[in-house]
Protein backbone atom coordinates (compact mmCIF):
# COMPACT_ATOMS: atom_id res chain seq x y z
CA MET A 1 -134.94 -6.58 -44.23
CA LYS A 2 -133.38 -2.67 -42.53
CA LYS A 3 -131.12 -4.40 -41.26
CA ARG A 4 -129.55 -6.27 -43.79
CA ILE A 5 -129.25 -2.64 -45.92
CA ILE A 6 -127.71 -1.47 -43.72
CA ILE A 7 -125.48 -3.12 -42.80
CA GLY A 8 -124.70 -3.75 -46.67
CA LEU A 9 -124.15 -0.03 -46.80
CA PHE A 10 -121.58 0.21 -43.71
CA ALA A 11 -119.52 -2.74 -45.35
CA LEU A 12 -119.68 -1.09 -48.46
CA VAL A 13 -118.89 2.29 -47.34
CA SER A 14 -115.99 0.69 -45.15
CA ILE A 15 -114.59 -1.15 -48.52
CA LEU A 16 -114.57 2.26 -50.10
CA ALA A 17 -112.73 4.14 -47.14
CA VAL A 18 -110.01 1.65 -46.86
CA SER A 19 -109.46 1.28 -50.85
CA ASN A 20 -109.26 5.46 -50.38
CA VAL A 21 -106.87 5.05 -47.23
CA ASN A 22 -104.47 2.52 -49.47
CA ALA A 23 -104.27 5.04 -53.12
CA GLN A 24 -103.33 7.73 -51.08
CA SER A 25 -100.54 6.01 -49.29
CA LYS A 26 -99.79 4.40 -52.77
CA LEU A 27 -99.33 7.42 -54.57
CA LYS A 28 -98.31 8.90 -51.58
CA LYS A 29 -95.16 6.46 -52.37
CA ALA A 30 -95.08 7.20 -55.72
CA VAL A 31 -95.21 10.35 -55.70
CA ASP A 32 -91.86 10.60 -52.89
CA ASN A 33 -89.82 8.03 -55.27
CA THR A 34 -90.22 10.87 -58.24
CA GLY A 35 -89.77 12.97 -56.37
CA LYS A 36 -86.09 11.36 -55.18
CA ALA A 37 -85.20 10.33 -58.96
CA ILE A 38 -85.98 13.64 -60.30
CA GLY A 39 -83.80 15.31 -57.54
CA LYS A 40 -80.54 12.24 -57.94
CA THR A 41 -80.93 13.14 -61.72
CA ALA A 42 -80.63 17.26 -61.53
CA ASP A 43 -77.26 16.53 -59.06
CA LYS A 44 -75.78 14.34 -61.90
CA VAL A 45 -76.61 17.41 -64.57
CA GLY A 46 -75.57 19.58 -61.92
CA ASP A 47 -72.86 18.36 -61.50
CA LYS A 48 -71.78 17.41 -65.70
CA SER A 49 -72.50 21.19 -65.85
CA ALA A 50 -69.92 22.46 -63.55
CA GLU A 51 -67.18 19.07 -64.53
CA LEU A 52 -67.04 20.83 -67.81
CA ALA A 53 -67.77 24.64 -67.24
CA LYS A 54 -64.57 23.96 -64.84
CA LYS A 55 -62.20 21.75 -67.82
CA GLY A 56 -63.03 24.41 -70.22
CA VAL A 57 -62.00 27.55 -67.62
CA SER A 58 -58.88 25.32 -67.64
CA LYS A 59 -58.05 24.22 -71.28
CA VAL A 60 -58.34 28.12 -71.62
CA GLY A 61 -56.32 29.80 -68.72
CA ASP A 62 -54.11 26.78 -67.92
CA LYS A 63 -51.50 25.10 -69.29
CA THR A 64 -52.32 20.58 -69.77
CA TYR A 65 -49.14 18.82 -68.55
CA LYS A 66 -49.10 16.76 -71.81
CA GLY A 67 -48.39 12.97 -71.29
CA LYS A 68 -49.59 12.89 -67.47
CA VAL A 69 -53.01 12.08 -66.48
CA ALA A 70 -54.48 12.03 -62.85
CA PRO A 71 -55.33 9.16 -60.87
CA ASP A 72 -58.92 9.57 -62.14
CA GLY A 73 -57.89 9.43 -66.12
CA SER A 74 -58.37 12.93 -66.09
CA ASP A 75 -56.17 15.80 -68.32
CA VAL A 76 -53.69 17.21 -65.73
CA TYR A 77 -54.11 21.16 -65.46
CA ILE A 78 -50.89 23.44 -64.42
CA ASP A 79 -52.39 27.03 -63.00
CA LYS A 80 -50.36 30.55 -62.82
CA LYS A 81 -48.84 29.37 -59.41
CA ASP A 82 -47.14 25.82 -61.22
CA LYS A 83 -49.12 23.62 -59.01
CA LYS A 84 -50.86 20.75 -60.59
CA TYR A 85 -54.80 19.51 -60.25
CA TYR A 86 -57.52 18.13 -62.54
CA ILE A 87 -61.31 17.95 -62.65
CA ASN A 88 -62.79 15.96 -60.55
CA LYS A 89 -66.34 14.88 -61.72
CA GLU A 90 -68.59 16.83 -60.04
CA GLY A 91 -66.91 19.79 -61.05
CA LYS A 92 -64.54 19.96 -58.58
CA THR A 93 -60.35 20.94 -58.65
CA ILE A 94 -58.11 18.47 -57.25
CA TYR A 95 -54.98 19.44 -56.56
CA LEU A 96 -52.00 16.37 -57.08
CA LYS A 97 -49.16 15.86 -55.28
CA ALA A 98 -46.11 15.07 -57.83
CA SER A 99 -46.28 11.46 -56.98
CA GLN A 100 -50.40 11.13 -57.40
CA ILE A 101 -49.38 12.22 -61.74
CA LYS A 102 -48.90 9.46 -63.84
CA ASN A 103 -48.63 9.30 -67.50
CA LYS A 104 -50.66 8.85 -70.34
CA VAL A 105 -50.37 5.26 -71.53
CA GLU A 106 -50.94 5.95 -75.09
CA LYS A 107 -53.61 4.06 -77.31
CA LYS A 108 -52.41 2.43 -80.50
């Protein structure tokens, strides 16, 4: 009788130990996935903030090249040195060659 009780307790402790390890590994994976998702979202928010800030500064400080667009369809700006550029989705200033500037297609 004692052997059966000891074996039963040993089996119960083993099952609890294995389930605890599985729960911890699942929790760790969930935390890692959540951390990655938060990091990606933070990058997107940072890129959009930089883009909007630079575009605001460009609209105020530089001229807008009317009737022309960049390869991605955004506005083209002209700086004080007469260089043409646009602001990409990451908020970076991309200088353009004359061949890269396109005419703006008017929507009706």
